[in-house]
Amino acid sequence: MPNNKISRFKLLVMFAAVLMLFACSSVKHGLYDMGLNYEYKKAGLCLKTVDMDGKSISLVESERDPAKPTIILIHGLTANKENWVR
């Protein structure tokens, strides 16, 4: 009988672990987006999209003083615009 309780406990722990993994993966993207939006707002930036030659380009623009000169920051292949927010 004690062996049966242990196997039920193991099964319950495994089920809980799998459930937590699925829950975490679905929440991950929402938390990431929420964090980025906070960083954009904190830095006074807004996310925009421009179409050039049929291609969509994402950019970040200052809300504080759009009259200031534009700075173009180029990132590497594995990076993205979010590297420059902070």
C-alpha atoms as a PDB file:
ATOM      1  CA  MET A   1       0.000   0.000   0.000  1.00  0.00           C
ATOM      2  CA  PRO A   2       2.742   2.581   0.786  1.00  0.00           C
ATOM      3  CA  ASN A   3       4.259   1.926  -2.651  1.00  0.00           C
ATOM      4  CA  ASN A   4       0.915   2.782  -4.264  1.00  0.00           C
ATOM      5  CA  LYS A   5       0.802   6.117  -2.394  1.00  0.00           C
ATOM      6  CA  ILE A   6       4.302   6.967  -3.592  1.00  0.00           C
ATOM      7  CA  SER A   7       3.450   6.250  -7.217  1.00  0.00           C
ATOM      8  CA  ARG A   8       0.285   8.364  -6.957  1.00  0.00           C
ATOM      9  CA  PHE A   9       2.337  11.167  -5.441  1.00  0.00           C
ATOM     10  CA  LYS A  10       4.895  10.924  -8.266  1.00  0.00           C
ATOM     11  CA  LEU A  11       2.099  10.993 -10.826  1.00  0.00           C
ATOM     12  CA  LEU A  12       0.564  14.050  -9.173  1.00  0.00           C
ATOM     13  CA  VAL A  13       3.931  15.845  -9.084  1.00  0.00           C
ATOM     14  CA  MET A  14       4.590  15.044 -12.757  1.00  0.00           C
ATOM     15  CA  PHE A  15       1.109  16.254 -13.737  1.00  0.00           C
ATOM     16  CA  ALA A  16       1.607  19.490 -11.785  1.00  0.00           C
ATOM     17  CA  ALA A  17       5.015  20.038 -13.407  1.00  0.00           C
ATOM     18  CA  VAL A  18       3.618  19.579 -16.927  1.00  0.00           C
ATOM     19  CA  LEU A  19       0.692  21.866 -16.134  1.00  0.00           C
ATOM     20  CA  MET A  20       3.057  24.555 -14.825  1.00  0.00           C
ATOM     21  CA  LEU A  21       5.231  24.311 -17.949  1.00  0.00           C
ATOM     22  CA  PHE A  22       2.248  24.886 -20.229  1.00  0.00           C
ATOM     23  CA  ALA A  23       1.002  27.755 -18.060  1.00  0.00           C
ATOM     24  CA  CYS A  24       4.417  29.426 -17.994  1.00  0.00           C
ATOM     25  CA  SER A  25       4.917  29.208 -21.749  1.00  0.00           C
ATOM     26  CA  SER A  26       1.560  30.849 -22.469  1.00  0.00           C
ATOM     27  CA  VAL A  27       2.176  33.662 -19.976  1.00  0.00           C
ATOM     28  CA  LYS A  28       5.785  34.281 -21.058  1.00  0.00           C
ATOM     29  CA  HIS A  29       5.008  36.309 -24.178  1.00  0.00           C
ATOM     30  CA  GLY A  30       2.458  38.503 -22.418  1.00  0.00           C
ATOM     31  CA  LEU A  31       4.917  39.319 -19.645  1.00  0.00           C
ATOM     32  CA  TYR A  32       7.669  40.065 -22.172  1.00  0.00           C
ATOM     33  CA  ASP A  33       5.429  42.461 -24.123  1.00  0.00           C
ATOM     34  CA  MET A  34       4.226  44.114 -20.927  1.00  0.00           C
ATOM     35  CA  GLY A  35       7.831  44.644 -19.797  1.00  0.00           C
ATOM     36  CA  LEU A  36       8.843  46.127 -23.150  1.00  0.00           C
ATOM     37  CA  ASN A  37       5.865  48.487 -23.186  1.00  0.00           C
ATOM     38  CA  TYR A  38       6.867  49.661 -19.703  1.00  0.00           C
ATOM     39  CA  GLU A  39      10.444  50.289 -20.881  1.00  0.00           C
ATOM     40  CA  TYR A  40       9.219  52.194 -23.963  1.00  0.00           C
ATOM     41  CA  LYS A  41       6.961  54.378 -21.826  1.00  0.00           C
ATOM     42  CA  LYS A  42       9.674  54.961 -19.225  1.00  0.00           C
ATOM     43  CA  ALA A  43      12.117  56.060 -21.955  1.00  0.00           C
ATOM     44  CA  GLY A  44       9.515  58.267 -23.683  1.00  0.00           C
ATOM     45  CA  LEU A  45       9.493  56.116 -26.821  1.00  0.00           C
ATOM     46  CA  CYS A  46       6.728  54.795 -29.050  1.00  0.00           C
ATOM     47  CA  LEU A  47       6.766  51.846 -31.430  1.00  0.00           C
ATOM     48  CA  LYS A  48       5.937  52.556 -35.087  1.00  0.00           C
ATOM     49  CA  THR A  49       5.895  50.644 -38.372  1.00  0.00           C
ATOM     50  CA  VAL A  50       6.831  52.028 -41.801  1.00  0.00           C
ATOM     51  CA  ASP A  51       6.352  50.348 -45.199  1.00  0.00           C
ATOM     52  CA  MET A  52       9.311  50.745 -47.580  1.00  0.00           C
ATOM     53  CA  ASP A  53       9.365  49.021 -50.968  1.00  0.00           C
ATOM     54  CA  GLY A  54       6.727  46.544 -49.838  1.00  0.00           C
ATOM     55  CA  LYS A  55       8.614  45.620 -46.662  1.00  0.00           C
ATOM     56  CA  SER A  56       7.497  46.468 -43.153  1.00  0.00           C
ATOM     57  CA  ILE A  57      10.137  48.123 -40.948  1.00  0.00           C
ATOM     58  CA  SER A  58       9.644  48.554 -37.208  1.00  0.00           C
ATOM     59  CA  LEU A  59      11.142  51.582 -35.519  1.00  0.00           C
ATOM     60  CA  VAL A  60      11.100  53.353 -32.195  1.00  0.00           C
ATOM     61  CA  GLU A  61      10.500  57.108 -32.055  1.00  0.00           C
ATOM     62  CA  SER A  62      10.813  59.647 -29.249  1.00  0.00           C
ATOM     63  CA  GLU A  63       7.550  61.071 -27.928  1.00  0.00           C
ATOM     64  CA  ARG A  64       9.347  63.783 -25.973  1.00  0.00           C
ATOM     65  CA  ASP A  65      10.915  65.806 -28.782  1.00  0.00           C
ATOM     66  CA  PRO A  66      10.344  64.508 -32.318  1.00  0.00           C
ATOM     67  CA  ALA A  67      12.067  67.623 -33.724  1.00  0.00           C
ATOM     68  CA  LYS A  68      15.478  66.407 -32.524  1.00  0.00           C
ATOM     69  CA  PRO A  69      17.790  64.812 -35.099  1.00  0.00           C
ATOM     70  CA  THR A  70      17.318  61.149 -35.959  1.00  0.00           C
ATOM     71  CA  ILE A  71      19.863  58.595 -34.776  1.00  0.00           C
ATOM     72  CA  ILE A  72      20.085  55.285 -36.606  1.00  0.00           C
ATOM     73  CA  LEU A  73      21.351  52.402 -34.481  1.00  0.00           C
ATOM     74  CA  ILE A  74      22.250  49.214 -36.326  1.00  0.00           C
ATOM     75  CA  HIS A  75      22.131  45.926 -34.460  1.00  0.00           C
ATOM     76  CA  GLY A  76      23.600  42.539 -35.320  1.00  0.00           C
ATOM     77  CA  LEU A  77      21.889  39.564 -36.878  1.00  0.00           C
ATOM     78  CA  THR A  78      20.744  38.017 -33.592  1.00  0.00           C
ATOM     79  CA  ALA A  79      19.773  41.312 -31.926  1.00  0.00           C
ATOM     80  CA  ASN A  80      16.680  43.529 -32.272  1.00  0.00           C
ATOM     81  CA  LYS A  81      15.530  47.103 -31.649  1.00  0.00           C
ATOM     82  CA  GLU A  82      14.683  46.322 -28.041  1.00  0.00           C
ATOM     83  CA  ASN A  83      18.435  46.173 -27.279  1.00  0.00           C
ATOM     84  CA  TRP A  84      18.572  49.972 -27.551  1.00  0.00           C
ATOM     85  CA  VAL A  85      15.587  50.871 -25.355  1.00  0.00           C
ATOM     86  CA  ARG A  86      17.440  51.265 -22.080  1.00  0.00           C
END
